[in-house]
Amino acid sequence: MRCAILVAFPLLVASCGQPPGSVPESDPVSESRPSPSIDSPEAPPRNVMAGRGRDLYMHDYSPTDGELRDPTFWIHADSDQLAEGEKQWSLQGTRAVIYRDDEEDLVVEALEGEVDLDRQVAELRGAVRLTVGSLIVDLEDLLWDNEKGTVTSGRPIHLVDENMQLDAESLLIERDEGLLVLGEGSGYVRLTEPAP
């Protein structure tokens, strides 16, 4: 029934304003705006849901005896896509927060990423910057695993704080333990305040 309505509706609209029985010579709407071909860059991808300004959340799903839980992870994307049948969001222009109980939150910005809400993981890439307080960590990518409560990266990182500057080949942050582990690093840590 839906097909019949969709087919009949354009015919009804096309014949509006014409004397009964006459058929318009041309369709002025299609002449003024040609539709993009299915392969043109202007055509939206097939079976893809796209949006702007999307917010996604992850929560701790351990038992709470009925108490509400705050999110453990939030991410905002300037634009996003979700392909039909996929479970993974593709995001562009991201800003994320990894929440910590009674501690300063970890804030992450990146050019792009993917979030899989079923697996409870988020991978962010491209000019990634993680900050917590005055600590700034620049990375190529990072992986947030919500179930483990960990941030990991196996690529070079650069870490800067008021009294230190370190370069390392890998990173592990355990959110609940408040632990940051660097692999194969070099740099300096100032143990005393500089003399005035």
N, C-alpha and C. Protein backbone atom coordinates (compact mmCIF):
# COMPACT_ATOMS: atom_id res chain seq x y z
N MET A 1 0.82 -1.18 0.00
CA MET A 1 0.00 0.00 0.00
C MET A 1 0.86 1.25 0.00
N ARG A 2 1.97 1.20 0.74
CA ARG A 2 2.86 2.35 0.83
C ARG A 2 3.43 2.71 -0.55
N CYS A 3 3.82 1.68 -1.34
CA CYS A 3 4.36 1.93 -2.68
C CYS A 3 3.34 2.62 -3.56
N ALA A 4 2.09 2.19 -3.49
CA ALA A 4 1.05 2.78 -4.32
C ALA A 4 0.86 4.24 -3.96
N ILE A 5 0.91 4.57 -2.69
CA ILE A 5 0.75 5.96 -2.25
C ILE A 5 1.93 6.78 -2.72
N LEU A 6 3.15 6.26 -2.59
CA LEU A 6 4.32 7.01 -3.00
C LEU A 6 4.34 7.26 -4.50
N VAL A 7 3.89 6.29 -5.28
CA VAL A 7 3.87 6.44 -6.73
C VAL A 7 2.74 7.36 -7.15
N ALA A 8 1.59 7.22 -6.53
CA ALA A 8 0.44 8.03 -6.89
C ALA A 8 0.63 9.48 -6.49
N PHE A 9 1.29 9.75 -5.39
CA PHE A 9 1.45 11.11 -4.90
C PHE A 9 2.21 11.99 -5.88
N PRO A 10 3.38 11.59 -6.46
CA PRO A 10 4.04 12.44 -7.44
C PRO A 10 3.19 12.68 -8.68
N LEU A 11 2.41 11.69 -9.11
CA LEU A 11 1.55 11.87 -10.26
C LEU A 11 0.47 12.90 -9.97
N LEU A 12 -0.07 12.85 -8.77
CA LEU A 12 -1.10 13.80 -8.36
C LEU A 12 -0.52 15.21 -8.30
N VAL A 13 0.66 15.36 -7.71
CA VAL A 13 1.31 16.67 -7.59
C VAL A 13 1.68 17.19 -8.97
N ALA A 14 2.20 16.34 -9.85
CA ALA A 14 2.62 16.77 -11.18
C ALA A 14 1.44 17.26 -12.00
N SER A 15 0.25 16.69 -11.77
CA SER A 15 -0.89 17.10 -12.58
C SER A 15 -1.66 18.25 -11.95
N CYS A 16 -1.32 18.74 -10.77
CA CYS A 16 -2.00 19.86 -10.14
C CYS A 16 -1.84 21.10 -11.02
N GLY A 17 -2.91 21.86 -11.18
CA GLY A 17 -2.86 23.09 -11.93
C GLY A 17 -3.01 22.88 -13.43
N GLN A 18 -3.10 21.67 -13.91
CA GLN A 18 -3.28 21.37 -15.33
C GLN A 18 -4.75 21.06 -15.58
N PRO A 19 -5.20 21.35 -16.77
CA PRO A 19 -6.58 20.96 -17.09
C PRO A 19 -6.73 19.45 -17.00
N PRO A 20 -7.90 18.98 -16.65
CA PRO A 20 -8.11 17.54 -16.56
C PRO A 20 -7.71 16.83 -17.85
N GLY A 21 -6.99 15.72 -17.70
CA GLY A 21 -6.59 14.92 -18.84
C GLY A 21 -5.30 15.37 -19.48
N SER A 22 -4.79 16.55 -19.14
CA SER A 22 -3.53 16.99 -19.74
C SER A 22 -2.36 16.54 -18.89
N VAL A 23 -1.22 16.33 -19.52
CA VAL A 23 0.00 15.91 -18.85
C VAL A 23 1.03 17.01 -19.04
N PRO A 24 1.72 17.45 -17.98
CA PRO A 24 2.71 18.51 -18.14
C PRO A 24 3.82 18.07 -19.08
N GLU A 25 4.33 19.02 -19.86
CA GLU A 25 5.40 18.71 -20.81
C GLU A 25 6.71 18.39 -20.13
N SER A 26 7.03 19.10 -19.04
CA SER A 26 8.27 18.84 -18.31
C SER A 26 8.06 19.13 -16.85
N ASP A 27 8.95 18.60 -16.04
CA ASP A 27 8.91 18.81 -14.59
C ASP A 27 9.88 19.92 -14.23
N PRO A 28 9.39 21.16 -13.93
CA PRO A 28 10.30 22.27 -13.67
C PRO A 28 11.18 22.05 -12.44
N VAL A 29 10.74 21.28 -11.47
CA VAL A 29 11.55 21.05 -10.27
C VAL A 29 12.77 20.23 -10.61
N SER A 30 12.61 19.13 -11.35
CA SER A 30 13.76 18.29 -11.66
C SER A 30 14.70 18.96 -12.65
N GLU A 31 14.18 19.86 -13.50
CA GLU A 31 15.06 20.57 -14.42
C GLU A 31 15.94 21.58 -13.70
N SER A 32 15.41 22.24 -12.67
CA SER A 32 16.19 23.26 -11.98
C SER A 32 17.17 22.66 -10.97
N ARG A 33 16.88 21.49 -10.42
CA ARG A 33 17.77 20.84 -9.44
C ARG A 33 17.97 19.39 -9.83
N PRO A 34 19.00 19.10 -10.58
CA PRO A 34 19.23 17.69 -10.91
C PRO A 34 19.63 16.93 -9.65
N SER A 35 19.10 15.73 -9.51
CA SER A 35 19.45 14.92 -8.33
C SER A 35 20.83 14.33 -8.52
N PRO A 36 21.61 14.23 -7.43
CA PRO A 36 22.95 13.66 -7.55
C PRO A 36 22.86 12.18 -7.87
N SER A 37 23.84 11.70 -8.64
CA SER A 37 23.87 10.26 -8.92
C SER A 37 24.24 9.54 -7.64
N ILE A 38 23.94 8.28 -7.59
CA ILE A 38 24.18 7.51 -6.38
C ILE A 38 25.65 7.43 -6.04
N ASP A 39 26.53 7.57 -7.02
CA ASP A 39 27.96 7.48 -6.77
C ASP A 39 28.63 8.84 -6.61
N SER A 40 27.87 9.93 -6.71
CA SER A 40 28.48 11.25 -6.59
C SER A 40 28.80 11.55 -5.14
N PRO A 41 29.76 12.44 -4.89
CA PRO A 41 30.11 12.76 -3.51
C PRO A 41 29.01 13.49 -2.78
N GLU A 42 28.04 14.05 -3.50
CA GLU A 42 26.94 14.77 -2.87
C GLU A 42 25.89 13.83 -2.31
N ALA A 43 25.83 12.62 -2.82
CA ALA A 43 24.82 11.66 -2.39
C ALA A 43 25.19 11.10 -1.03
N PRO A 44 24.21 11.00 -0.11
CA PRO A 44 24.53 10.41 1.19
C PRO A 44 24.82 8.92 1.03
N PRO A 45 25.71 8.37 1.87
CA PRO A 45 25.99 6.93 1.79
C PRO A 45 24.71 6.14 2.05
N ARG A 46 24.62 4.99 1.43
CA ARG A 46 23.44 4.14 1.62
C ARG A 46 23.44 3.57 3.02
N ASN A 47 22.25 3.49 3.60
CA ASN A 47 22.04 2.82 4.88
C ASN A 47 22.96 3.34 5.98
N VAL A 48 23.19 4.65 6.01
CA VAL A 48 24.02 5.25 7.05
C VAL A 48 23.22 6.33 7.75
N MET A 49 23.23 6.27 9.07
CA MET A 49 22.61 7.32 9.85
C MET A 49 23.71 8.30 10.24
N ALA A 50 23.55 9.56 9.89
CA ALA A 50 24.55 10.57 10.19
C ALA A 50 23.91 11.66 11.03
N GLY A 51 24.74 12.32 11.83
CA GLY A 51 24.21 13.38 12.67
C GLY A 51 25.28 14.37 13.07
N ARG A 52 24.86 15.35 13.83
CA ARG A 52 25.77 16.38 14.33
C ARG A 52 25.47 16.59 15.81
N GLY A 53 26.53 16.87 16.57
CA GLY A 53 26.35 17.18 17.98
C GLY A 53 25.86 16.00 18.81
N ARG A 54 26.38 14.82 18.56
CA ARG A 54 25.94 13.62 19.28
C ARG A 54 26.69 13.46 20.60
N ASP A 55 25.99 13.05 21.65
CA ASP A 55 26.57 12.73 22.94
C ASP A 55 26.31 11.26 23.23
N LEU A 56 27.37 10.51 23.57
CA LEU A 56 27.26 9.10 23.91
C LEU A 56 27.82 8.90 25.32
N TYR A 57 27.24 7.94 26.07
CA TYR A 57 27.64 7.70 27.45
C TYR A 57 27.93 6.23 27.68
N MET A 58 28.81 5.96 28.65
CA MET A 58 29.03 4.60 29.16
C MET A 58 28.88 4.67 30.68
N HIS A 59 28.41 3.59 31.26
CA HIS A 59 28.19 3.53 32.70
C HIS A 59 28.85 2.29 33.29
N ASP A 60 29.05 2.32 34.59
CA ASP A 60 29.51 1.15 35.33
C ASP A 60 28.26 0.30 35.61
N TYR A 61 28.28 -0.95 35.17
CA TYR A 61 27.09 -1.79 35.30
C TYR A 61 27.16 -2.76 36.47
N SER A 62 28.07 -2.53 37.42
CA SER A 62 28.09 -3.41 38.60
C SER A 62 26.84 -3.14 39.43
N PRO A 63 26.41 -4.15 40.22
CA PRO A 63 25.17 -4.00 40.99
C PRO A 63 25.22 -2.78 41.92
N THR A 64 24.06 -2.10 42.03
CA THR A 64 24.00 -0.87 42.84
C THR A 64 22.89 -0.91 43.87
N ASP A 65 22.20 -2.00 44.00
CA ASP A 65 21.05 -2.11 44.92
C ASP A 65 20.03 -1.01 44.65
N GLY A 66 19.80 -0.74 43.35
CA GLY A 66 18.77 0.22 42.97
C GLY A 66 19.21 1.66 42.89
N GLU A 67 20.44 1.96 43.30
CA GLU A 67 20.91 3.35 43.21
C GLU A 67 21.27 3.71 41.78
N LEU A 68 21.01 4.97 41.42
CA LEU A 68 21.39 5.44 40.09
C LEU A 68 22.89 5.63 40.04
N ARG A 69 23.47 5.36 38.87
CA ARG A 69 24.91 5.53 38.67
C ARG A 69 25.16 6.68 37.75
N ASP A 70 26.20 7.46 38.07
CA ASP A 70 26.66 8.50 37.16
C ASP A 70 27.43 7.84 36.03
N PRO A 71 27.53 8.50 34.88
CA PRO A 71 28.32 7.90 33.80
C PRO A 71 29.80 7.83 34.17
N THR A 72 30.50 6.84 33.59
CA THR A 72 31.95 6.74 33.76
C THR A 72 32.67 7.38 32.58
N PHE A 73 31.94 7.50 31.45
CA PHE A 73 32.54 8.04 30.22
C PHE A 73 31.48 8.78 29.44
N TRP A 74 31.84 9.95 28.94
CA TRP A 74 30.96 10.74 28.07
C TRP A 74 31.79 11.22 26.89
N ILE A 75 31.21 11.20 25.70
CA ILE A 75 31.90 11.72 24.53
C ILE A 75 30.91 12.53 23.70
N HIS A 76 31.39 13.67 23.24
CA HIS A 76 30.62 14.53 22.34
C HIS A 76 31.33 14.55 21.00
N ALA A 77 30.57 14.47 19.91
CA ALA A 77 31.14 14.52 18.56
C ALA A 77 30.48 15.64 17.78
N ASP A 78 31.31 16.39 17.05
CA ASP A 78 30.76 17.42 16.17
C ASP A 78 29.92 16.79 15.07
N SER A 79 30.37 15.64 14.54
CA SER A 79 29.58 14.90 13.54
C SER A 79 29.83 13.41 13.74
N ASP A 80 28.88 12.60 13.25
CA ASP A 80 28.96 11.16 13.49
C ASP A 80 28.26 10.39 12.39
N GLN A 81 28.56 9.09 12.33
CA GLN A 81 27.89 8.16 11.41
C GLN A 81 27.77 6.80 12.08
N LEU A 82 26.69 6.13 11.76
CA LEU A 82 26.47 4.76 12.21
C LEU A 82 25.90 4.00 11.01
N ALA A 83 26.68 3.07 10.47
CA ALA A 83 26.22 2.29 9.31
C ALA A 83 25.20 1.25 9.76
N GLU A 84 24.25 0.96 8.87
CA GLU A 84 23.22 -0.03 9.17
C GLU A 84 23.87 -1.38 9.46
N GLY A 85 23.44 -2.01 10.53
CA GLY A 85 23.98 -3.31 10.91
C GLY A 85 25.26 -3.21 11.72
N GLU A 86 25.84 -2.03 11.82
CA GLU A 86 27.06 -1.83 12.60
C GLU A 86 26.69 -1.48 14.03
N LYS A 87 27.62 -1.68 14.94
CA LYS A 87 27.40 -1.33 16.33
C LYS A 87 28.42 -0.29 16.79
N GLN A 88 29.17 0.23 15.85
CA GLN A 88 30.27 1.13 16.18
C GLN A 88 30.02 2.50 15.56
N TRP A 89 29.99 3.53 16.38
CA TRP A 89 29.83 4.90 15.91
C TRP A 89 31.16 5.43 15.40
N SER A 90 31.17 6.08 14.24
CA SER A 90 32.34 6.79 13.73
C SER A 90 32.12 8.26 14.03
N LEU A 91 33.09 8.87 14.72
CA LEU A 91 32.93 10.23 15.21
C LEU A 91 34.02 11.15 14.67
N GLN A 92 33.70 12.42 14.49
CA GLN A 92 34.67 13.43 14.10
C GLN A 92 34.53 14.61 15.05
N GLY A 93 35.69 15.21 15.38
CA GLY A 93 35.70 16.37 16.27
C GLY A 93 35.19 16.01 17.65
N THR A 94 35.97 15.21 18.40
CA THR A 94 35.49 14.65 19.66
C THR A 94 36.07 15.35 20.88
N ARG A 95 35.28 15.34 21.94
CA ARG A 95 35.71 15.77 23.27
C ARG A 95 35.07 14.78 24.24
N ALA A 96 35.92 14.17 25.08
CA ALA A 96 35.43 13.13 25.98
C ALA A 96 35.86 13.44 27.42
N VAL A 97 35.11 12.89 28.36
CA VAL A 97 35.46 12.99 29.78
C VAL A 97 35.38 11.59 30.37
N ILE A 98 36.46 11.20 31.06
CA ILE A 98 36.48 9.96 31.83
C ILE A 98 36.33 10.39 33.28
N TYR A 99 35.18 10.05 33.87
CA TYR A 99 34.86 10.52 35.20
C TYR A 99 35.54 9.67 36.26
N ARG A 100 36.02 10.35 37.31
CA ARG A 100 36.66 9.67 38.44
C ARG A 100 35.97 10.12 39.72
N ASP A 101 35.63 9.16 40.58
CA ASP A 101 34.98 9.48 41.84
C ASP A 101 35.90 10.32 42.72
N ASP A 102 35.43 11.47 43.14
CA ASP A 102 36.14 12.36 44.07
C ASP A 102 37.55 12.74 43.61
N GLU A 103 37.85 12.62 42.35
CA GLU A 103 39.15 13.00 41.79
C GLU A 103 38.90 13.85 40.56
N GLU A 104 39.97 14.49 40.08
CA GLU A 104 39.84 15.27 38.85
C GLU A 104 39.60 14.35 37.67
N ASP A 105 38.67 14.76 36.81
CA ASP A 105 38.33 13.96 35.65
C ASP A 105 39.43 14.05 34.59
N LEU A 106 39.50 13.03 33.74
CA LEU A 106 40.39 13.03 32.58
C LEU A 106 39.60 13.59 31.39
N VAL A 107 40.15 14.59 30.74
CA VAL A 107 39.49 15.21 29.58
C VAL A 107 40.32 14.86 28.35
N VAL A 108 39.66 14.39 27.29
CA VAL A 108 40.34 13.95 26.08
C VAL A 108 39.73 14.66 24.87
N GLU A 109 40.59 15.21 24.02
CA GLU A 109 40.15 15.79 22.75
C GLU A 109 40.89 15.08 21.63
N ALA A 110 40.18 14.83 20.52
CA ALA A 110 40.79 14.14 19.37
C ALA A 110 40.05 14.53 18.10
N LEU A 111 40.71 14.32 16.97
CA LEU A 111 40.10 14.64 15.68
C LEU A 111 39.00 13.66 15.32
N GLU A 112 39.19 12.37 15.65
CA GLU A 112 38.21 11.36 15.26
C GLU A 112 38.27 10.17 16.20
N GLY A 113 37.29 9.31 16.06
CA GLY A 113 37.29 8.10 16.88
C GLY A 113 36.13 7.19 16.55
N GLU A 114 36.12 6.05 17.23
CA GLU A 114 35.03 5.09 17.15
C GLU A 114 34.61 4.72 18.56
N VAL A 115 33.32 4.54 18.73
CA VAL A 115 32.78 4.12 20.02
C VAL A 115 31.90 2.90 19.77
N ASP A 116 32.17 1.82 20.51
CA ASP A 116 31.36 0.61 20.45
C ASP A 116 30.69 0.46 21.81
N LEU A 117 29.40 0.80 21.87
CA LEU A 117 28.69 0.77 23.14
C LEU A 117 28.42 -0.65 23.62
N ASP A 118 28.33 -1.62 22.70
CA ASP A 118 28.14 -3.01 23.11
C ASP A 118 29.37 -3.55 23.82
N ARG A 119 30.55 -3.28 23.26
CA ARG A 119 31.81 -3.74 23.86
C ARG A 119 32.32 -2.80 24.94
N GLN A 120 31.70 -1.60 25.06
CA GLN A 120 32.08 -0.60 26.06
C GLN A 120 33.52 -0.12 25.88
N VAL A 121 33.91 0.18 24.62
CA VAL A 121 35.24 0.70 24.33
C VAL A 121 35.12 1.92 23.41
N ALA A 122 36.11 2.79 23.52
CA ALA A 122 36.21 3.96 22.64
C ALA A 122 37.66 4.09 22.20
N GLU A 123 37.88 4.26 20.90
CA GLU A 123 39.23 4.48 20.38
C GLU A 123 39.25 5.85 19.74
N LEU A 124 40.17 6.71 20.20
CA LEU A 124 40.29 8.07 19.69
C LEU A 124 41.63 8.22 19.00
N ARG A 125 41.64 8.97 17.87
CA ARG A 125 42.84 9.12 17.06
C ARG A 125 42.97 10.54 16.54
N GLY A 126 44.22 10.89 16.22
CA GLY A 126 44.49 12.16 15.56
C GLY A 126 44.59 13.33 16.51
N ALA A 127 45.81 13.79 16.75
CA ALA A 127 46.05 14.94 17.64
C ALA A 127 45.33 14.79 18.97
N VAL A 128 45.50 13.63 19.59
CA VAL A 128 44.83 13.34 20.87
C VAL A 128 45.55 14.09 21.99
N ARG A 129 44.76 14.78 22.81
CA ARG A 129 45.31 15.47 23.98
C ARG A 129 44.47 15.07 25.19
N LEU A 130 45.15 14.50 26.19
CA LEU A 130 44.52 14.10 27.44
C LEU A 130 45.02 15.05 28.52
N THR A 131 44.12 15.62 29.29
CA THR A 131 44.52 16.49 30.39
C THR A 131 43.83 16.04 31.68
N VAL A 132 44.58 16.17 32.76
CA VAL A 132 44.03 15.98 34.10
C VAL A 132 44.76 16.98 34.99
N GLY A 133 44.04 17.96 35.47
CA GLY A 133 44.68 19.04 36.22
C GLY A 133 45.66 19.78 35.32
N SER A 134 46.90 19.93 35.79
CA SER A 134 47.92 20.62 35.00
C SER A 134 48.71 19.65 34.10
N LEU A 135 48.44 18.36 34.21
CA LEU A 135 49.14 17.36 33.41
C LEU A 135 48.54 17.32 32.00
N ILE A 136 49.42 17.40 30.99
CA ILE A 136 48.99 17.34 29.58
C ILE A 136 49.74 16.18 28.92
N VAL A 137 48.99 15.31 28.27
CA VAL A 137 49.57 14.17 27.55
C VAL A 137 49.13 14.26 26.09
N ASP A 138 50.11 14.37 25.18
CA ASP A 138 49.82 14.37 23.75
C ASP A 138 50.13 12.99 23.19
N LEU A 139 49.18 12.42 22.45
CA LEU A 139 49.29 11.06 21.93
C LEU A 139 48.80 11.00 20.49
N GLU A 140 49.13 9.92 19.81
CA GLU A 140 48.59 9.67 18.48
C GLU A 140 47.20 9.04 18.57
N ASP A 141 47.02 8.18 19.57
CA ASP A 141 45.74 7.51 19.75
C ASP A 141 45.63 7.02 21.18
N LEU A 142 44.42 6.65 21.57
CA LEU A 142 44.23 6.00 22.87
C LEU A 142 43.00 5.12 22.80
N LEU A 143 42.94 4.14 23.70
CA LEU A 143 41.81 3.23 23.80
C LEU A 143 41.28 3.29 25.22
N TRP A 144 40.00 3.61 25.37
CA TRP A 144 39.33 3.58 26.67
C TRP A 144 38.52 2.30 26.73
N ASP A 145 38.79 1.48 27.78
CA ASP A 145 38.04 0.25 28.03
C ASP A 145 37.23 0.49 29.29
N ASN A 146 35.93 0.66 29.14
CA ASN A 146 35.06 1.02 30.26
C ASN A 146 34.98 -0.08 31.31
N GLU A 147 34.94 -1.36 30.90
CA GLU A 147 34.84 -2.45 31.86
C GLU A 147 36.09 -2.56 32.73
N LYS A 148 37.27 -2.36 32.13
CA LYS A 148 38.53 -2.44 32.88
C LYS A 148 38.86 -1.12 33.58
N GLY A 149 38.28 -0.02 33.11
CA GLY A 149 38.60 1.28 33.67
C GLY A 149 40.01 1.74 33.30
N THR A 150 40.44 1.41 32.06
CA THR A 150 41.80 1.74 31.66
C THR A 150 41.86 2.55 30.38
N VAL A 151 42.89 3.40 30.31
CA VAL A 151 43.26 4.10 29.09
C VAL A 151 44.60 3.53 28.67
N THR A 152 44.73 3.11 27.39
CA THR A 152 46.00 2.57 26.92
C THR A 152 46.37 3.18 25.57
N SER A 153 47.68 3.21 25.32
CA SER A 153 48.19 3.59 24.00
C SER A 153 49.53 2.89 23.83
N GLY A 154 49.74 2.32 22.66
CA GLY A 154 51.00 1.65 22.36
C GLY A 154 51.86 2.47 21.40
N ARG A 155 51.54 3.75 21.27
CA ARG A 155 52.28 4.63 20.38
C ARG A 155 52.97 5.71 21.19
N PRO A 156 53.95 6.40 20.61
CA PRO A 156 54.70 7.41 21.36
C PRO A 156 53.80 8.49 21.96
N ILE A 157 54.17 8.89 23.17
CA ILE A 157 53.43 9.93 23.88
C ILE A 157 54.41 10.98 24.39
N HIS A 158 53.89 12.17 24.64
CA HIS A 158 54.67 13.26 25.22
C HIS A 158 53.85 13.80 26.39
N LEU A 159 54.46 13.78 27.58
CA LEU A 159 53.77 14.17 28.81
C LEU A 159 54.45 15.39 29.40
N VAL A 160 53.67 16.42 29.76
CA VAL A 160 54.21 17.66 30.32
C VAL A 160 53.39 18.05 31.53
N ASP A 161 54.09 18.44 32.59
CA ASP A 161 53.47 19.01 33.78
C ASP A 161 54.37 20.13 34.25
N GLU A 162 53.99 20.80 35.31
CA GLU A 162 54.77 21.94 35.81
C GLU A 162 56.23 21.58 36.08
N ASN A 163 56.48 20.40 36.63
CA ASN A 163 57.83 20.01 37.03
C ASN A 163 58.36 18.78 36.31
N MET A 164 57.80 18.45 35.16
CA MET A 164 58.31 17.30 34.44
C MET A 164 57.98 17.38 32.95
N GLN A 165 58.80 16.66 32.20
CA GLN A 165 58.58 16.49 30.77
C GLN A 165 59.10 15.11 30.42
N LEU A 166 58.24 14.25 29.92
CA LEU A 166 58.61 12.87 29.64
C LEU A 166 58.12 12.45 28.26
N ASP A 167 58.92 11.62 27.59
CA ASP A 167 58.52 10.97 26.35
C ASP A 167 58.53 9.48 26.61
N ALA A 168 57.55 8.77 26.07
CA ALA A 168 57.47 7.33 26.31
C ALA A 168 56.90 6.65 25.07
N GLU A 169 57.08 5.34 25.04
CA GLU A 169 56.61 4.53 23.91
C GLU A 169 55.21 3.97 24.14
N SER A 170 54.74 3.97 25.39
CA SER A 170 53.41 3.45 25.68
C SER A 170 52.87 4.09 26.95
N LEU A 171 51.58 3.90 27.15
CA LEU A 171 50.90 4.52 28.29
C LEU A 171 49.81 3.59 28.79
N LEU A 172 49.66 3.54 30.11
CA LEU A 172 48.55 2.85 30.75
C LEU A 172 48.08 3.74 31.90
N ILE A 173 46.80 4.03 31.92
CA ILE A 173 46.21 4.75 33.06
C ILE A 173 45.12 3.86 33.62
N GLU A 174 45.21 3.58 34.92
CA GLU A 174 44.17 2.84 35.62
C GLU A 174 43.35 3.85 36.40
N ARG A 175 42.15 4.09 35.91
CA ARG A 175 41.31 5.15 36.47
C ARG A 175 41.04 4.99 37.96
N ASP A 176 40.61 3.82 38.38
CA ASP A 176 40.22 3.62 39.78
C ASP A 176 41.41 3.65 40.73
N GLU A 177 42.59 3.23 40.26
CA GLU A 177 43.79 3.22 41.09
C GLU A 177 44.50 4.57 41.08
N GLY A 178 44.15 5.43 40.11
CA GLY A 178 44.85 6.71 39.98
C GLY A 178 46.30 6.50 39.57
N LEU A 179 46.54 5.49 38.74
CA LEU A 179 47.90 5.09 38.39
C LEU A 179 48.18 5.38 36.93
N LEU A 180 49.33 6.00 36.64
CA LEU A 180 49.79 6.25 35.28
C LEU A 180 51.11 5.52 35.10
N VAL A 181 51.19 4.62 34.11
CA VAL A 181 52.40 3.83 33.86
C VAL A 181 52.89 4.15 32.46
N LEU A 182 54.18 4.50 32.34
CA LEU A 182 54.80 4.78 31.06
C LEU A 182 55.76 3.66 30.71
N GLY A 183 55.85 3.31 29.44
CA GLY A 183 56.77 2.27 28.99
C GLY A 183 57.90 2.87 28.18
N GLU A 184 59.15 2.46 28.48
CA GLU A 184 60.35 2.88 27.76
C GLU A 184 60.37 4.38 27.53
N GLY A 185 60.53 5.11 28.62
CA GLY A 185 60.49 6.56 28.54
C GLY A 185 61.79 7.24 28.88
N SER A 186 61.83 8.51 28.57
CA SER A 186 62.96 9.35 28.95
C SER A 186 62.43 10.76 29.16
N GLY A 187 63.16 11.52 29.93
CA GLY A 187 62.76 12.90 30.20
C GLY A 187 63.28 13.33 31.56
N TYR A 188 62.64 14.33 32.13
CA TYR A 188 63.08 14.81 33.44
C TYR A 188 61.90 15.06 34.35
N VAL A 189 62.19 14.95 35.65
CA VAL A 189 61.23 15.29 36.70
C VAL A 189 61.98 16.18 37.70
N ARG A 190 61.50 17.38 37.93
CA ARG A 190 62.11 18.30 38.89
C ARG A 190 61.58 17.93 40.28
N LEU A 191 62.50 17.54 41.19
CA LEU A 191 62.11 17.09 42.51
C LEU A 191 61.96 18.25 43.50
N THR A 192 62.62 19.34 43.24
CA THR A 192 62.51 20.51 44.11
C THR A 192 62.11 21.71 43.27
N GLU A 193 61.53 22.68 43.92
CA GLU A 193 61.13 23.90 43.23
C GLU A 193 62.38 24.67 42.84
N PRO A 194 62.41 25.29 41.66
CA PRO A 194 63.59 26.06 41.28
C PRO A 194 63.78 27.27 42.19
N ALA A 195 65.03 27.63 42.41
CA ALA A 195 65.32 28.77 43.28
C ALA A 195 64.84 30.06 42.60
N PRO A 196 64.31 31.00 43.40
CA PRO A 196 63.80 32.24 42.81
C PRO A 196 64.88 33.14 42.26
